[in-house]
Amino acid sequence: MTATADLVKARAPKVYSKELIEVLFSRPYCKIRFLEQAGIAKRQTASDYLRELEEIGVLQGIKKGREMYYKT
C-alpha cells in the first residue's frame, strides 16, 4: 500500500489522496461507485481518476457488461 501511494504521488499527484489509496486496498477490486460512496469524487472525476491510475500501471481495468472493474 505504501509503495502504491508513493508511485501515485510521484506519477499522478493530482489524483493522489490517502482516502483513494485506502479505497483501492479495501476490496479486491474497485469501481467508480466505490469512489462516489467514499465521497472522494463525483462519477466523471472518479472515472478519470481510475483511468489515470490504469495508465500509470497501478490498476488493471476489466470491462464486464457495461461496468468497468479495476484491480490492483
C-alpha atoms as a PDB file:
ATOM      1  CA  MET A   1       0.000   0.000   0.000  1.00  0.00           C
ATOM      2  CA  THR A   2       2.843   2.392   0.843  1.00  0.00           C
ATOM      3  CA  ALA A   3       4.642   1.619  -2.425  1.00  0.00           C
ATOM      4  CA  THR A   4       1.450   2.291  -4.393  1.00  0.00           C
ATOM      5  CA  ALA A   5       0.863   5.551  -2.539  1.00  0.00           C
ATOM      6  CA  ASP A   6       4.421   6.670  -3.331  1.00  0.00           C
ATOM      7  CA  LEU A   7       4.000   5.736  -7.011  1.00  0.00           C
ATOM      8  CA  VAL A   8       0.727   7.654  -7.303  1.00  0.00           C
ATOM      9  CA  LYS A   9       2.240  10.700  -5.538  1.00  0.00           C
ATOM     10  CA  ALA A  10       5.145  10.692  -7.982  1.00  0.00           C
ATOM     11  CA  ARG A  11       3.338   9.922 -11.253  1.00  0.00           C
ATOM     12  CA  ALA A  12      -0.177  11.304 -10.684  1.00  0.00           C
ATOM     13  CA  PRO A  13      -0.029  13.896  -7.899  1.00  0.00           C
ATOM     14  CA  LYS A  14      -3.374  15.471  -8.870  1.00  0.00           C
ATOM     15  CA  VAL A  15      -5.099  12.119  -8.327  1.00  0.00           C
ATOM     16  CA  TYR A  16      -3.395  11.165  -5.056  1.00  0.00           C
ATOM     17  CA  SER A  17      -5.237  11.170  -1.759  1.00  0.00           C
ATOM     18  CA  LYS A  18      -4.862   8.944   1.266  1.00  0.00           C
ATOM     19  CA  GLU A  19      -8.574   8.101   1.083  1.00  0.00           C
ATOM     20  CA  LEU A  20      -8.287   6.995  -2.548  1.00  0.00           C
ATOM     21  CA  ILE A  21      -5.434   4.607  -1.769  1.00  0.00           C
ATOM     22  CA  GLU A  22      -7.406   3.188   1.171  1.00  0.00           C
ATOM     23  CA  VAL A  23     -10.434   2.542  -1.073  1.00  0.00           C
ATOM     24  CA  LEU A  24      -8.217   0.771  -3.617  1.00  0.00           C
ATOM     25  CA  PHE A  25      -6.939  -1.621  -0.972  1.00  0.00           C
ATOM     26  CA  SER A  26     -10.206  -2.137   0.935  1.00  0.00           C
ATOM     27  CA  ARG A  27     -11.580  -4.653  -1.612  1.00  0.00           C
ATOM     28  CA  PRO A  28     -10.096  -6.991  -4.224  1.00  0.00           C
ATOM     29  CA  TYR A  29     -11.375  -4.643  -6.960  1.00  0.00           C
ATOM     30  CA  CYS A  30     -12.542  -1.061  -7.341  1.00  0.00           C
ATOM     31  CA  LYS A  31     -15.196   0.659  -9.395  1.00  0.00           C
ATOM     32  CA  ILE A  32     -16.457   4.189  -9.861  1.00  0.00           C
ATOM     33  CA  ARG A  33     -19.308   3.751  -7.392  1.00  0.00           C
ATOM     34  CA  PHE A  34     -16.865   2.938  -4.562  1.00  0.00           C
ATOM     35  CA  LEU A  35     -15.140   6.319  -5.010  1.00  0.00           C
ATOM     36  CA  GLU A  36     -18.510   8.070  -5.127  1.00  0.00           C
ATOM     37  CA  GLN A  37     -19.718   6.346  -1.946  1.00  0.00           C
ATOM     38  CA  ALA A  38     -16.488   7.240  -0.141  1.00  0.00           C
ATOM     39  CA  GLY A  39     -17.042  10.908  -1.034  1.00  0.00           C
ATOM     40  CA  ILE A  40     -13.772  11.105  -2.953  1.00  0.00           C
ATOM     41  CA  ALA A  41     -15.191  12.256  -6.289  1.00  0.00           C
ATOM     42  CA  LYS A  42     -18.317  12.528  -8.410  1.00  0.00           C
ATOM     43  CA  ARG A  43     -18.888   9.969 -11.183  1.00  0.00           C
ATOM     44  CA  GLN A  44     -16.945  11.618 -14.042  1.00  0.00           C
ATOM     45  CA  THR A  45     -14.000  12.608 -11.849  1.00  0.00           C
ATOM     46  CA  ALA A  46     -13.884   9.135 -10.275  1.00  0.00           C
ATOM     47  CA  SER A  47     -13.803   7.627 -13.761  1.00  0.00           C
ATOM     48  CA  ASP A  48     -10.942   9.939 -14.733  1.00  0.00           C
ATOM     49  CA  TYR A  49      -9.007   9.024 -11.569  1.00  0.00           C
ATOM     50  CA  LEU A  50      -9.346   5.290 -12.184  1.00  0.00           C
ATOM     51  CA  ARG A  51      -8.361   5.632 -15.846  1.00  0.00           C
ATOM     52  CA  GLU A  52      -5.295   7.655 -14.902  1.00  0.00           C
ATOM     53  CA  LEU A  53      -4.298   5.056 -12.313  1.00  0.00           C
ATOM     54  CA  GLU A  54      -4.681   2.419 -15.019  1.00  0.00           C
ATOM     55  CA  GLU A  55      -2.453   4.424 -17.385  1.00  0.00           C
ATOM     56  CA  ILE A  56       0.380   4.625 -14.839  1.00  0.00           C
ATOM     57  CA  GLY A  57       0.144   0.897 -14.127  1.00  0.00           C
ATOM     58  CA  VAL A  58      -1.398   0.951 -10.648  1.00  0.00           C
ATOM     59  CA  LEU A  59      -4.693  -0.649 -11.761  1.00  0.00           C
ATOM     60  CA  GLN A  60      -5.825  -3.030 -14.474  1.00  0.00           C
ATOM     61  CA  GLY A  61      -9.257  -2.333 -15.979  1.00  0.00           C
ATOM     62  CA  ILE A  62     -11.652  -5.139 -16.846  1.00  0.00           C
ATOM     63  CA  LYS A  63     -14.952  -4.479 -18.636  1.00  0.00           C
ATOM     64  CA  LYS A  64     -17.863  -6.720 -17.611  1.00  0.00           C
ATOM     65  CA  GLY A  65     -21.073  -5.794 -19.376  1.00  0.00           C
ATOM     66  CA  ARG A  66     -21.478  -2.046 -19.021  1.00  0.00           C
ATOM     67  CA  GLU A  67     -19.411  -1.816 -15.832  1.00  0.00           C
ATOM     68  CA  MET A  68     -15.659  -1.280 -15.519  1.00  0.00           C
ATOM     69  CA  TYR A  69     -13.842  -3.010 -12.679  1.00  0.00           C
ATOM     70  CA  TYR A  70     -10.299  -2.150 -11.681  1.00  0.00           C
ATOM     71  CA  LYS A  71      -7.966  -4.463  -9.806  1.00  0.00           C
ATOM     72  CA  THR A  72      -4.567  -3.761  -8.325  1.00  0.00           C
END
